[in-house]
Amino acid sequence: MSATPASTLCSMFDHAVARAPDKVALRHRGAALTYRELGRAVAALARRLATMVAAGEVVAIVQPNSIEFHVAYFAALKALAALPYSIPATRLSSSRRCCVKRPRASSSMRRPRATS
């Protein structure tokens, strides 16, 4: 049986969450998130973003490379926000609304188990 190809990045993400929910999706500096945990975090932030921005409105994610960045990125996609590929820091001003702030550490982020 062949799988139907996913048409969007969001549908590919949803497929990965459904197919392997307990598999580790992201690791960064000792923290890890399973696809299930990542899916829940993305859905929660996407719901919040959808109340703050209109579909197609540009949002900026000002985050270093981290698990939180990936949560914010996929959440913005799910909220149908427009994500510029890159914006020079000089173009960001305090007058622009920043929709995605650095989230507090989540209890769903966990350290990988040590293996013997």
PDB file of N, CA and C in Angstrom:
ATOM      1  N   MET A   1       0.838  -1.160   0.000  1.00  0.00           N
ATOM      2  CA  MET A   1       0.000   0.000   0.000  1.00  0.00           C
ATOM      3  C   MET A   1       0.890   1.232   0.000  1.00  0.00           C
ATOM      4  N   SER A   2       0.685   2.126  -0.940  1.00  0.00           N
ATOM      5  CA  SER A   2       1.519   3.319  -1.015  1.00  0.00           C
ATOM      6  C   SER A   2       0.832   4.482  -0.317  1.00  0.00           C
ATOM      7  N   ALA A   3       1.635   5.307   0.289  1.00  0.00           N
ATOM      8  CA  ALA A   3       1.105   6.466   1.007  1.00  0.00           C
ATOM      9  C   ALA A   3       0.838   7.597   0.025  1.00  0.00           C
ATOM     10  N   THR A   4      -0.201   8.352   0.318  1.00  0.00           N
ATOM     11  CA  THR A   4      -0.502   9.530  -0.489  1.00  0.00           C
ATOM     12  C   THR A   4       0.473  10.623  -0.102  1.00  0.00           C
ATOM     13  N   PRO A   5       1.125  11.256  -1.074  1.00  0.00           N
ATOM     14  CA  PRO A   5       2.087  12.294  -0.723  1.00  0.00           C
ATOM     15  C   PRO A   5       1.382  13.484  -0.072  1.00  0.00           C
ATOM     16  N   ALA A   6       2.012  14.038   0.919  1.00  0.00           N
ATOM     17  CA  ALA A   6       1.458  15.201   1.604  1.00  0.00           C
ATOM     18  C   ALA A   6       1.645  16.422   0.721  1.00  0.00           C
ATOM     19  N   SER A   7       0.652  17.299   0.726  1.00  0.00           N
ATOM     20  CA  SER A   7       0.717  18.448  -0.169  1.00  0.00           C
ATOM     21  C   SER A   7       1.306  19.696   0.478  1.00  0.00           C
ATOM     22  N   THR A   8       1.339  19.753   1.785  1.00  0.00           N
ATOM     23  CA  THR A   8       1.888  20.930   2.456  1.00  0.00           C
ATOM     24  C   THR A   8       2.820  20.502   3.583  1.00  0.00           C
ATOM     25  N   LEU A   9       3.628  21.434   4.033  1.00  0.00           N
ATOM     26  CA  LEU A   9       4.512  21.155   5.161  1.00  0.00           C
ATOM     27  C   LEU A   9       3.694  20.819   6.403  1.00  0.00           C
ATOM     28  N   CYS A  10       2.580  21.520   6.596  1.00  0.00           N
ATOM     29  CA  CYS A  10       1.712  21.237   7.757  1.00  0.00           C
ATOM     30  C   CYS A  10       1.137  19.829   7.691  1.00  0.00           C
ATOM     31  N   SER A  11       0.717  19.393   6.515  1.00  0.00           N
ATOM     32  CA  SER A  11       0.158  18.043   6.415  1.00  0.00           C
ATOM     33  C   SER A  11       1.243  16.987   6.616  1.00  0.00           C
ATOM     34  N   MET A  12       2.460  17.270   6.167  1.00  0.00           N
ATOM     35  CA  MET A  12       3.571  16.336   6.420  1.00  0.00           C
ATOM     36  C   MET A  12       3.865  16.261   7.917  1.00  0.00           C
ATOM     37  N   PHE A  13       3.828  17.408   8.583  1.00  0.00           N
ATOM     38  CA  PHE A  13       4.053  17.446  10.030  1.00  0.00           C
ATOM     39  C   PHE A  13       2.963  16.634  10.741  1.00  0.00           C
ATOM     40  N   ASP A  14       1.697  16.868  10.396  1.00  0.00           N
ATOM     41  CA  ASP A  14       0.588  16.136  11.023  1.00  0.00           C
ATOM     42  C   ASP A  14       0.718  14.636  10.786  1.00  0.00           C
ATOM     43  N   HIS A  15       1.153  14.262   9.599  1.00  0.00           N
ATOM     44  CA  HIS A  15       1.349  12.856   9.276  1.00  0.00           C
ATOM     45  C   HIS A  15       2.435  12.247  10.166  1.00  0.00           C
ATOM     46  N   ALA A  16       3.530  12.961  10.361  1.00  0.00           N
ATOM     47  CA  ALA A  16       4.625  12.466  11.215  1.00  0.00           C
ATOM     48  C   ALA A  16       4.157  12.314  12.659  1.00  0.00           C
ATOM     49  N   VAL A  17       3.358  13.276  13.143  1.00  0.00           N
ATOM     50  CA  VAL A  17       2.835  13.197  14.516  1.00  0.00           C
ATOM     51  C   VAL A  17       1.938  11.973  14.660  1.00  0.00           C
ATOM     52  N   ALA A  18       1.075  11.736  13.680  1.00  0.00           N
ATOM     53  CA  ALA A  18       0.153  10.600  13.746  1.00  0.00           C
ATOM     54  C   ALA A  18       0.867   9.258  13.581  1.00  0.00           C
ATOM     55  N   ARG A  19       1.880   9.243  12.745  1.00  0.00           N
ATOM     56  CA  ARG A  19       2.559   7.978  12.426  1.00  0.00           C
ATOM     57  C   ARG A  19       3.504   7.506  13.533  1.00  0.00           C
ATOM     58  N   ALA A  20       4.194   8.427  14.174  1.00  0.00           N
ATOM     59  CA  ALA A  20       5.193   8.039  15.190  1.00  0.00           C
ATOM     60  C   ALA A  20       5.130   8.970  16.389  1.00  0.00           C
ATOM     61  N   PRO A  21       4.024   8.984  17.122  1.00  0.00           N
ATOM     62  CA  PRO A  21       3.863   9.957  18.195  1.00  0.00           C
ATOM     63  C   PRO A  21       4.894   9.856  19.327  1.00  0.00           C
ATOM     64  N   ASP A  22       5.420   8.668  19.555  1.00  0.00           N
ATOM     65  CA  ASP A  22       6.363   8.494  20.657  1.00  0.00           C
ATOM     66  C   ASP A  22       7.824   8.571  20.238  1.00  0.00           C
ATOM     67  N   LYS A  23       8.064   8.776  18.964  1.00  0.00           N
ATOM     68  CA  LYS A  23       9.437   8.918  18.470  1.00  0.00           C
ATOM     69  C   LYS A  23       9.938  10.327  18.768  1.00  0.00           C
ATOM     70  N   VAL A  24      11.216  10.453  19.118  1.00  0.00           N
ATOM     71  CA  VAL A  24      11.782  11.773  19.398  1.00  0.00           C
ATOM     72  C   VAL A  24      11.837  12.569  18.095  1.00  0.00           C
ATOM     73  N   ALA A  25      11.235  13.753  18.129  1.00  0.00           N
ATOM     74  CA  ALA A  25      11.178  14.621  16.953  1.00  0.00           C
ATOM     75  C   ALA A  25      12.325  15.623  16.951  1.00  0.00           C
ATOM     76  N   LEU A  26      12.622  16.175  18.109  1.00  0.00           N
ATOM     77  CA  LEU A  26      13.654  17.208  18.225  1.00  0.00           C
ATOM     78  C   LEU A  26      14.525  16.963  19.443  1.00  0.00           C
ATOM     79  N   ARG A  27      15.797  17.232  19.281  1.00  0.00           N
ATOM     80  CA  ARG A  27      16.750  17.220  20.398  1.00  0.00           C
ATOM     81  C   ARG A  27      17.562  18.503  20.294  1.00  0.00           C
ATOM     82  N   HIS A  28      17.781  19.118  21.430  1.00  0.00           N
ATOM     83  CA  HIS A  28      18.615  20.314  21.436  1.00  0.00           C
ATOM     84  C   HIS A  28      19.160  20.531  22.843  1.00  0.00           C
ATOM     85  N   ARG A  29      20.462  20.566  22.936  1.00  0.00           N
ATOM     86  CA  ARG A  29      21.156  20.836  24.206  1.00  0.00           C
ATOM     87  C   ARG A  29      20.612  20.024  25.377  1.00  0.00           C
ATOM     88  N   GLY A  30      20.468  18.740  25.163  1.00  0.00           N
ATOM     89  CA  GLY A  30      20.041  17.849  26.236  1.00  0.00           C
ATOM     90  C   GLY A  30      18.541  17.719  26.409  1.00  0.00           C
ATOM     91  N   ALA A  31      17.753  18.554  25.751  1.00  0.00           N
ATOM     92  CA  ALA A  31      16.297  18.454  25.833  1.00  0.00           C
ATOM     93  C   ALA A  31      15.787  17.686  24.613  1.00  0.00           C
ATOM     94  N   ALA A  32      14.665  17.022  24.767  1.00  0.00           N
ATOM     95  CA  ALA A  32      14.080  16.274  23.656  1.00  0.00           C
ATOM     96  C   ALA A  32      12.564  16.402  23.714  1.00  0.00           C
ATOM     97  N   LEU A  33      11.942  16.321  22.544  1.00  0.00           N
ATOM     98  CA  LEU A  33      10.487  16.383  22.427  1.00  0.00           C
ATOM     99  C   LEU A  33      10.049  15.285  21.478  1.00  0.00           C
ATOM    100  N   THR A  34       9.036  14.511  21.864  1.00  0.00           N
ATOM    101  CA  THR A  34       8.483  13.513  20.956  1.00  0.00           C
ATOM    102  C   THR A  34       7.568  14.224  19.962  1.00  0.00           C
ATOM    103  N   TYR A  35       7.185  13.510  18.910  1.00  0.00           N
ATOM    104  CA  TYR A  35       6.257  14.087  17.947  1.00  0.00           C
ATOM    105  C   TYR A  35       4.926  14.441  18.616  1.00  0.00           C
ATOM    106  N   ARG A  36       4.463  13.608  19.549  1.00  0.00           N
ATOM    107  CA  ARG A  36       3.214  13.896  20.258  1.00  0.00           C
ATOM    108  C   ARG A  36       3.335  15.212  21.045  1.00  0.00           C
ATOM    109  N   GLU A  37       4.430  15.351  21.803  1.00  0.00           N
ATOM    110  CA  GLU A  37       4.645  16.569  22.586  1.00  0.00           C
ATOM    111  C   GLU A  37       4.800  17.784  21.675  1.00  0.00           C
ATOM    112  N   LEU A  38       5.539  17.612  20.594  1.00  0.00           N
ATOM    113  CA  LEU A  38       5.721  18.699  19.641  1.00  0.00           C
ATOM    114  C   LEU A  38       4.378  19.076  19.014  1.00  0.00           C
ATOM    115  N   GLY A  39       3.596  18.087  18.630  1.00  0.00           N
ATOM    116  CA  GLY A  39       2.284  18.349  18.045  1.00  0.00           C
ATOM    117  C   GLY A  39       1.373  19.116  18.988  1.00  0.00           C
ATOM    118  N   ARG A  40       1.370  18.741  20.261  1.00  0.00           N
ATOM    119  CA  ARG A  40       0.538  19.444  21.249  1.00  0.00           C
ATOM    120  C   ARG A  40       1.006  20.881  21.453  1.00  0.00           C
ATOM    121  N   ALA A  41       2.320  21.070  21.549  1.00  0.00           N
ATOM    122  CA  ALA A  41       2.858  22.423  21.752  1.00  0.00           C
ATOM    123  C   ALA A  41       2.561  23.302  20.536  1.00  0.00           C
ATOM    124  N   VAL A  42       2.711  22.740  19.340  1.00  0.00           N
ATOM    125  CA  VAL A  42       2.429  23.485  18.107  1.00  0.00           C
ATOM    126  C   VAL A  42       0.952  23.853  18.045  1.00  0.00           C
ATOM    127  N   ALA A  43       0.065  22.905  18.338  1.00  0.00           N
ATOM    128  CA  ALA A  43      -1.378  23.165  18.277  1.00  0.00           C
ATOM    129  C   ALA A  43      -1.785  24.256  19.267  1.00  0.00           C
ATOM    130  N   ALA A  44      -1.240  24.200  20.479  1.00  0.00           N
ATOM    131  CA  ALA A  44      -1.587  25.200  21.490  1.00  0.00           C
ATOM    132  C   ALA A  44      -1.141  26.598  21.060  1.00  0.00           C
ATOM    133  N   LEU A  45       0.084  26.713  20.569  1.00  0.00           N
ATOM    134  CA  LEU A  45       0.580  28.022  20.147  1.00  0.00           C
ATOM    135  C   LEU A  45      -0.138  28.492  18.884  1.00  0.00           C
ATOM    136  N   ALA A  46      -0.474  27.581  17.986  1.00  0.00           N
ATOM    137  CA  ALA A  46      -1.197  27.952  16.760  1.00  0.00           C
ATOM    138  C   ALA A  46      -2.572  28.521  17.100  1.00  0.00           C
ATOM    139  N   ARG A  47      -3.257  27.918  18.079  1.00  0.00           N
ATOM    140  CA  ARG A  47      -4.561  28.452  18.507  1.00  0.00           C
ATOM    141  C   ARG A  47      -4.405  29.861  19.051  1.00  0.00           C
ATOM    142  N   ARG A  48      -3.364  30.066  19.838  1.00  0.00           N
ATOM    143  CA  ARG A  48      -3.134  31.402  20.406  1.00  0.00           C
ATOM    144  C   ARG A  48      -2.791  32.415  19.307  1.00  0.00           C
ATOM    145  N   LEU A  49      -1.925  32.028  18.394  1.00  0.00           N
ATOM    146  CA  LEU A  49      -1.547  32.917  17.294  1.00  0.00           C
ATOM    147  C   LEU A  49      -2.749  33.284  16.434  1.00  0.00           C
ATOM    148  N   ALA A  50      -3.624  32.318  16.198  1.00  0.00           N
ATOM    149  CA  ALA A  50      -4.791  32.556  15.345  1.00  0.00           C
ATOM    150  C   ALA A  50      -5.699  33.639  15.922  1.00  0.00           C
ATOM    151  N   THR A  51      -5.628  33.854  17.229  1.00  0.00           N
ATOM    152  CA  THR A  51      -6.423  34.922  17.843  1.00  0.00           C
ATOM    153  C   THR A  51      -5.709  36.266  17.763  1.00  0.00           C
ATOM    154  N   MET A  52      -4.434  36.245  17.400  1.00  0.00           N
ATOM    155  CA  MET A  52      -3.633  37.472  17.399  1.00  0.00           C
ATOM    156  C   MET A  52      -3.337  38.013  16.008  1.00  0.00           C
ATOM    157  N   VAL A  53      -3.337  37.147  14.999  1.00  0.00           N
ATOM    158  CA  VAL A  53      -2.991  37.567  13.641  1.00  0.00           C
ATOM    159  C   VAL A  53      -4.024  37.038  12.652  1.00  0.00           C
ATOM    160  N   ALA A  54      -4.199  37.767  11.568  1.00  0.00           N
ATOM    161  CA  ALA A  54      -5.089  37.313  10.503  1.00  0.00           C
ATOM    162  C   ALA A  54      -4.318  36.383   9.575  1.00  0.00           C
ATOM    163  N   ALA A  55      -5.037  35.508   8.903  1.00  0.00           N
ATOM    164  CA  ALA A  55      -4.401  34.610   7.928  1.00  0.00           C
ATOM    165  C   ALA A  55      -3.639  35.451   6.916  1.00  0.00           C
ATOM    166  N   GLY A  56      -2.408  35.079   6.658  1.00  0.00           N
ATOM    167  CA  GLY A  56      -1.573  35.784   5.699  1.00  0.00           C
ATOM    168  C   GLY A  56      -0.789  36.947   6.274  1.00  0.00           C
ATOM    169  N   GLU A  57      -1.068  37.330   7.511  1.00  0.00           N
ATOM    170  CA  GLU A  57      -0.318  38.423   8.140  1.00  0.00           C
ATOM    171  C   GLU A  57       1.091  37.935   8.466  1.00  0.00           C
ATOM    172  N   VAL A  58       2.066  38.794   8.248  1.00  0.00           N
ATOM    173  CA  VAL A  58       3.459  38.428   8.477  1.00  0.00           C
ATOM    174  C   VAL A  58       3.765  38.461   9.971  1.00  0.00           C
ATOM    175  N   VAL A  59       4.390  37.410  10.454  1.00  0.00           N
ATOM    176  CA  VAL A  59       4.880  37.369  11.831  1.00  0.00           C
ATOM    177  C   VAL A  59       6.379  37.100  11.788  1.00  0.00           C
ATOM    178  N   ALA A  60       7.063  37.608  12.772  1.00  0.00           N
ATOM    179  CA  ALA A  60       8.501  37.368  12.881  1.00  0.00           C
ATOM    180  C   ALA A  60       8.744  36.486  14.091  1.00  0.00           C
ATOM    181  N   ILE A  61       9.601  35.511  13.926  1.00  0.00           N
ATOM    182  CA  ILE A  61       9.999  34.657  15.040  1.00  0.00           C
ATOM    183  C   ILE A  61      11.431  35.027  15.370  1.00  0.00           C
ATOM    184  N   VAL A  62      11.608  35.632  16.508  1.00  0.00           N
ATOM    185  CA  VAL A  62      12.934  36.077  16.929  1.00  0.00           C
ATOM    186  C   VAL A  62      13.401  35.107  18.009  1.00  0.00           C
ATOM    187  N   GLN A  63      14.059  34.059  17.563  1.00  0.00           N
ATOM    188  CA  GLN A  63      14.497  32.978  18.441  1.00  0.00           C
ATOM    189  C   GLN A  63      15.833  32.453  17.942  1.00  0.00           C
ATOM    190  N   PRO A  64      16.678  32.037  18.853  1.00  0.00           N
ATOM    191  CA  PRO A  64      17.869  31.309  18.401  1.00  0.00           C
ATOM    192  C   PRO A  64      17.437  29.907  17.961  1.00  0.00           C
ATOM    193  N   ASN A  65      18.334  29.169  17.341  1.00  0.00           N
ATOM    194  CA  ASN A  65      18.035  27.794  16.962  1.00  0.00           C
ATOM    195  C   ASN A  65      17.761  27.010  18.239  1.00  0.00           C
ATOM    196  N   SER A  66      16.535  26.516  18.374  1.00  0.00           N
ATOM    197  CA  SER A  66      16.123  25.834  19.594  1.00  0.00           C
ATOM    198  C   SER A  66      14.853  25.046  19.327  1.00  0.00           C
ATOM    199  N   ILE A  67      14.441  24.264  20.294  1.00  0.00           N
ATOM    200  CA  ILE A  67      13.164  23.560  20.197  1.00  0.00           C
ATOM    201  C   ILE A  67      12.035  24.578  20.102  1.00  0.00           C
ATOM    202  N   GLU A  68      12.126  25.643  20.887  1.00  0.00           N
ATOM    203  CA  GLU A  68      11.079  26.667  20.885  1.00  0.00           C
ATOM    204  C   GLU A  68      10.922  27.317  19.505  1.00  0.00           C
ATOM    205  N   PHE A  69      12.043  27.493  18.793  1.00  0.00           N
ATOM    206  CA  PHE A  69      11.952  28.052  17.446  1.00  0.00           C
ATOM    207  C   PHE A  69      11.092  27.163  16.553  1.00  0.00           C
ATOM    208  N   HIS A  70      11.336  25.862  16.601  1.00  0.00           N
ATOM    209  CA  HIS A  70      10.588  24.935  15.749  1.00  0.00           C
ATOM    210  C   HIS A  70       9.113  24.892  16.134  1.00  0.00           C
ATOM    211  N   VAL A  71       8.813  24.959  17.422  1.00  0.00           N
ATOM    212  CA  VAL A  71       7.412  25.031  17.858  1.00  0.00           C
ATOM    213  C   VAL A  71       6.765  26.286  17.276  1.00  0.00           C
ATOM    214  N   ALA A  72       7.435  27.421  17.405  1.00  0.00           N
ATOM    215  CA  ALA A  72       6.893  28.684  16.892  1.00  0.00           C
ATOM    216  C   ALA A  72       6.738  28.659  15.378  1.00  0.00           C
ATOM    217  N   TYR A  73       7.693  28.081  14.674  1.00  0.00           N
ATOM    218  CA  TYR A  73       7.654  28.029  13.211  1.00  0.00           C
ATOM    219  C   TYR A  73       6.446  27.232  12.726  1.00  0.00           C
ATOM    220  N   PHE A  74       6.292  26.010  13.241  1.00  0.00           N
ATOM    221  CA  PHE A  74       5.160  25.185  12.814  1.00  0.00           C
ATOM    222  C   PHE A  74       3.829  25.768  13.277  1.00  0.00           C
ATOM    223  N   ALA A  75       3.809  26.395  14.448  1.00  0.00           N
ATOM    224  CA  ALA A  75       2.576  27.027  14.926  1.00  0.00           C
ATOM    225  C   ALA A  75       2.166  28.170  14.008  1.00  0.00           C
ATOM    226  N   ALA A  76       3.123  28.960  13.568  1.00  0.00           N
ATOM    227  CA  ALA A  76       2.812  30.063  12.648  1.00  0.00           C
ATOM    228  C   ALA A  76       2.270  29.516  11.333  1.00  0.00           C
ATOM    229  N   LEU A  77       2.843  28.430  10.834  1.00  0.00           N
ATOM    230  CA  LEU A  77       2.335  27.817   9.609  1.00  0.00           C
ATOM    231  C   LEU A  77       0.902  27.332   9.797  1.00  0.00           C
ATOM    232  N   LYS A  78       0.640  26.683  10.933  1.00  0.00           N
ATOM    233  CA  LYS A  78      -0.707  26.184  11.199  1.00  0.00           C
ATOM    234  C   LYS A  78      -1.710  27.318  11.371  1.00  0.00           C
ATOM    235  N   ALA A  79      -1.261  28.452  11.889  1.00  0.00           N
ATOM    236  CA  ALA A  79      -2.148  29.601  12.070  1.00  0.00           C
ATOM    237  C   ALA A  79      -2.322  30.370  10.765  1.00  0.00           C
ATOM    238  N   LEU A  80      -1.733  29.856   9.688  1.00  0.00           N
ATOM    239  CA  LEU A  80      -1.801  30.453   8.344  1.00  0.00           C
ATOM    240  C   LEU A  80      -1.161  31.834   8.275  1.00  0.00           C
ATOM    241  N   ALA A  81      -0.186  32.071   9.148  1.00  0.00           N
ATOM    242  CA  ALA A  81       0.556  33.334   9.098  1.00  0.00           C
ATOM    243  C   ALA A  81       1.606  33.241   7.998  1.00  0.00           C
ATOM    244  N   ALA A  82       2.041  34.372   7.506  1.00  0.00           N
ATOM    245  CA  ALA A  82       3.105  34.409   6.507  1.00  0.00           C
ATOM    246  C   ALA A  82       4.435  34.553   7.239  1.00  0.00           C
ATOM    247  N   LEU A  83       5.381  33.721   6.867  1.00  0.00           N
ATOM    248  CA  LEU A  83       6.702  33.764   7.494  1.00  0.00           C
ATOM    249  C   LEU A  83       7.726  34.207   6.468  1.00  0.00           C
ATOM    250  N   PRO A  84       8.311  35.388   6.646  1.00  0.00           N
ATOM    251  CA  PRO A  84       9.378  35.784   5.725  1.00  0.00           C
ATOM    252  C   PRO A  84      10.555  34.837   5.926  1.00  0.00           C
ATOM    253  N   TYR A  85      11.268  34.520   4.845  1.00  0.00           N
ATOM    254  CA  TYR A  85      12.389  33.592   4.951  1.00  0.00           C
ATOM    255  C   TYR A  85      13.432  34.131   5.917  1.00  0.00           C
ATOM    256  N   SER A  86      13.764  35.405   5.781  1.00  0.00           N
ATOM    257  CA  SER A  86      14.686  36.028   6.728  1.00  0.00           C
ATOM    258  C   SER A  86      14.470  37.533   6.694  1.00  0.00           C
ATOM    259  N   ILE A  87      14.655  38.123   7.840  1.00  0.00           N
ATOM    260  CA  ILE A  87      14.546  39.575   7.954  1.00  0.00           C
ATOM    261  C   ILE A  87      15.808  40.051   8.653  1.00  0.00           C
ATOM    262  N   PRO A  88      16.556  40.956   8.049  1.00  0.00           N
ATOM    263  CA  PRO A  88      17.726  41.495   8.743  1.00  0.00           C
ATOM    264  C   PRO A  88      17.300  42.161  10.059  1.00  0.00           C
ATOM    265  N   ALA A  89      18.091  41.984  11.085  1.00  0.00           N
ATOM    266  CA  ALA A  89      17.756  42.551  12.395  1.00  0.00           C
ATOM    267  C   ALA A  89      17.531  44.052  12.329  1.00  0.00           C
ATOM    268  N   THR A  90      18.179  44.719  11.398  1.00  0.00           N
ATOM    269  CA  THR A  90      18.023  46.169  11.286  1.00  0.00           C
ATOM    270  C   THR A  90      16.627  46.559  10.832  1.00  0.00           C
ATOM    271  N   ARG A  91      15.882  45.625  10.195  1.00  0.00           N
ATOM    272  CA  ARG A  91      14.532  45.927   9.744  1.00  0.00           C
ATOM    273  C   ARG A  91      13.490  45.724  10.836  1.00  0.00           C
ATOM    274  N   LEU A  92      13.853  45.015  11.898  1.00  0.00           N
ATOM    275  CA  LEU A  92      12.916  44.816  12.999  1.00  0.00           C
ATOM    276  C   LEU A  92      12.937  46.055  13.881  1.00  0.00           C
ATOM    277  N   SER A  93      11.796  46.600  14.156  1.00  0.00           N
ATOM    278  CA  SER A  93      11.742  47.777  15.010  1.00  0.00           C
ATOM    279  C   SER A  93      10.801  47.523  16.172  1.00  0.00           C
ATOM    280  N   SER A  94      10.937  48.317  17.197  1.00  0.00           N
ATOM    281  CA  SER A  94      10.071  48.146  18.363  1.00  0.00           C
ATOM    282  C   SER A  94       8.629  48.508  18.041  1.00  0.00           C
ATOM    283  N   SER A  95       8.406  49.213  16.936  1.00  0.00           N
ATOM    284  CA  SER A  95       7.043  49.574  16.574  1.00  0.00           C
ATOM    285  C   SER A  95       6.283  48.416  15.943  1.00  0.00           C
ATOM    286  N   ARG A  96       6.993  47.383  15.493  1.00  0.00           N
ATOM    287  CA  ARG A  96       6.318  46.217  14.910  1.00  0.00           C
ATOM    288  C   ARG A  96       5.852  45.289  16.005  1.00  0.00           C
ATOM    289  N   ARG A  97       4.689  44.730  15.799  1.00  0.00           N
ATOM    290  CA  ARG A  97       4.138  43.791  16.768  1.00  0.00           C
ATOM    291  C   ARG A  97       4.860  42.457  16.636  1.00  0.00           C
ATOM    292  N   CYS A  98       5.385  41.974  17.715  1.00  0.00           N
ATOM    293  CA  CYS A  98       6.048  40.669  17.718  1.00  0.00           C
ATOM    294  C   CYS A  98       5.088  39.670  18.349  1.00  0.00           C
ATOM    295  N   CYS A  99       4.655  38.729  17.568  1.00  0.00           N
ATOM    296  CA  CYS A  99       3.617  37.799  18.022  1.00  0.00           C
ATOM    297  C   CYS A  99       4.159  36.589  18.754  1.00  0.00           C
ATOM    298  N   VAL A 100       5.375  36.208  18.484  1.00  0.00           N
ATOM    299  CA  VAL A 100       5.921  35.009  19.084  1.00  0.00           C
ATOM    300  C   VAL A 100       7.072  35.405  19.981  1.00  0.00           C
ATOM    301  N   LYS A 101       6.867  35.247  21.274  1.00  0.00           N
ATOM    302  CA  LYS A 101       7.920  35.563  22.232  1.00  0.00           C
ATOM    303  C   LYS A 101       8.543  34.272  22.718  1.00  0.00           C
ATOM    304  N   ARG A 102       9.684  34.409  23.336  1.00  0.00           N
ATOM    305  CA  ARG A 102      10.375  33.232  23.853  1.00  0.00           C
ATOM    306  C   ARG A 102       9.497  32.561  24.908  1.00  0.00           C
ATOM    307  N   PRO A 103       9.039  31.333  24.652  1.00  0.00           N
ATOM    308  CA  PRO A 103       8.183  30.658  25.623  1.00  0.00           C
ATOM    309  C   PRO A 103       8.977  30.216  26.838  1.00  0.00           C
ATOM    310  N   ARG A 104       8.266  30.117  27.948  1.00  0.00           N
ATOM    311  CA  ARG A 104       8.903  29.593  29.153  1.00  0.00           C
ATOM    312  C   ARG A 104       9.167  28.112  28.962  1.00  0.00           C
ATOM    313  N   ALA A 105      10.092  27.584  29.726  1.00  0.00           N
ATOM    314  CA  ALA A 105      10.424  26.163  29.620  1.00  0.00           C
ATOM    315  C   ALA A 105       9.166  25.342  29.841  1.00  0.00           C
ATOM    316  N   SER A 106       8.931  24.400  28.969  1.00  0.00           N
ATOM    317  CA  SER A 106       7.737  23.568  29.025  1.00  0.00           C
ATOM    318  C   SER A 106       8.017  22.313  29.832  1.00  0.00           C
ATOM    319  N   SER A 107       7.011  21.876  30.557  1.00  0.00           N
ATOM    320  CA  SER A 107       7.177  20.634  31.301  1.00  0.00           C
ATOM    321  C   SER A 107       7.259  19.443  30.359  1.00  0.00           C
ATOM    322  N   SER A 108       6.828  19.643  29.094  1.00  0.00           N
ATOM    323  CA  SER A 108       6.892  18.534  28.149  1.00  0.00           C
ATOM    324  C   SER A 108       8.298  18.347  27.590  1.00  0.00           C
ATOM    325  N   MET A 109       9.175  19.343  27.799  1.00  0.00           N
ATOM    326  CA  MET A 109      10.544  19.174  27.347  1.00  0.00           C
ATOM    327  C   MET A 109      11.281  18.331  28.383  1.00  0.00           C
ATOM    328  N   ARG A 110      11.900  17.325  27.919  1.00  0.00           N
ATOM    329  CA  ARG A 110      12.548  16.417  28.860  1.00  0.00           C
ATOM    330  C   ARG A 110      13.935  16.073  28.367  1.00  0.00           C
ATOM    331  N   ARG A 111      14.736  15.653  29.288  1.00  0.00           N
ATOM    332  CA  ARG A 111      16.078  15.211  28.928  1.00  0.00           C
ATOM    333  C   ARG A 111      15.987  13.758  28.462  1.00  0.00           C
ATOM    334  N   PRO A 112      16.782  13.387  27.445  1.00  0.00           N
ATOM    335  CA  PRO A 112      16.770  11.995  26.998  1.00  0.00           C
ATOM    336  C   PRO A 112      17.265  11.082  28.106  1.00  0.00           C
ATOM    337  N   ARG A 113      16.719   9.886  28.143  1.00  0.00           N
ATOM    338  CA  ARG A 113      17.156   8.918  29.151  1.00  0.00           C
ATOM    339  C   ARG A 113      18.550   8.412  28.840  1.00  0.00           C
ATOM    340  N   ALA A 114      19.321   8.248  29.883  1.00  0.00           N
ATOM    341  CA  ALA A 114      20.678   7.708  29.713  1.00  0.00           C
ATOM    342  C   ALA A 114      20.567   6.222  29.367  1.00  0.00           C
ATOM    343  N   THR A 115      21.365   5.795  28.433  1.00  0.00           N
ATOM    344  CA  THR A 115      21.370   4.381  28.072  1.00  0.00           C
ATOM    345  C   THR A 115      22.626   3.724  28.619  1.00  0.00           C
ATOM    346  N   SER A 116      22.480   2.498  29.063  1.00  0.00           N
ATOM    347  CA  SER A 116      23.630   1.782  29.635  1.00  0.00           C
ATOM    348  C   SER A 116      24.373   1.037  28.582  1.00  0.00           C
TER     349      SER A 116
END
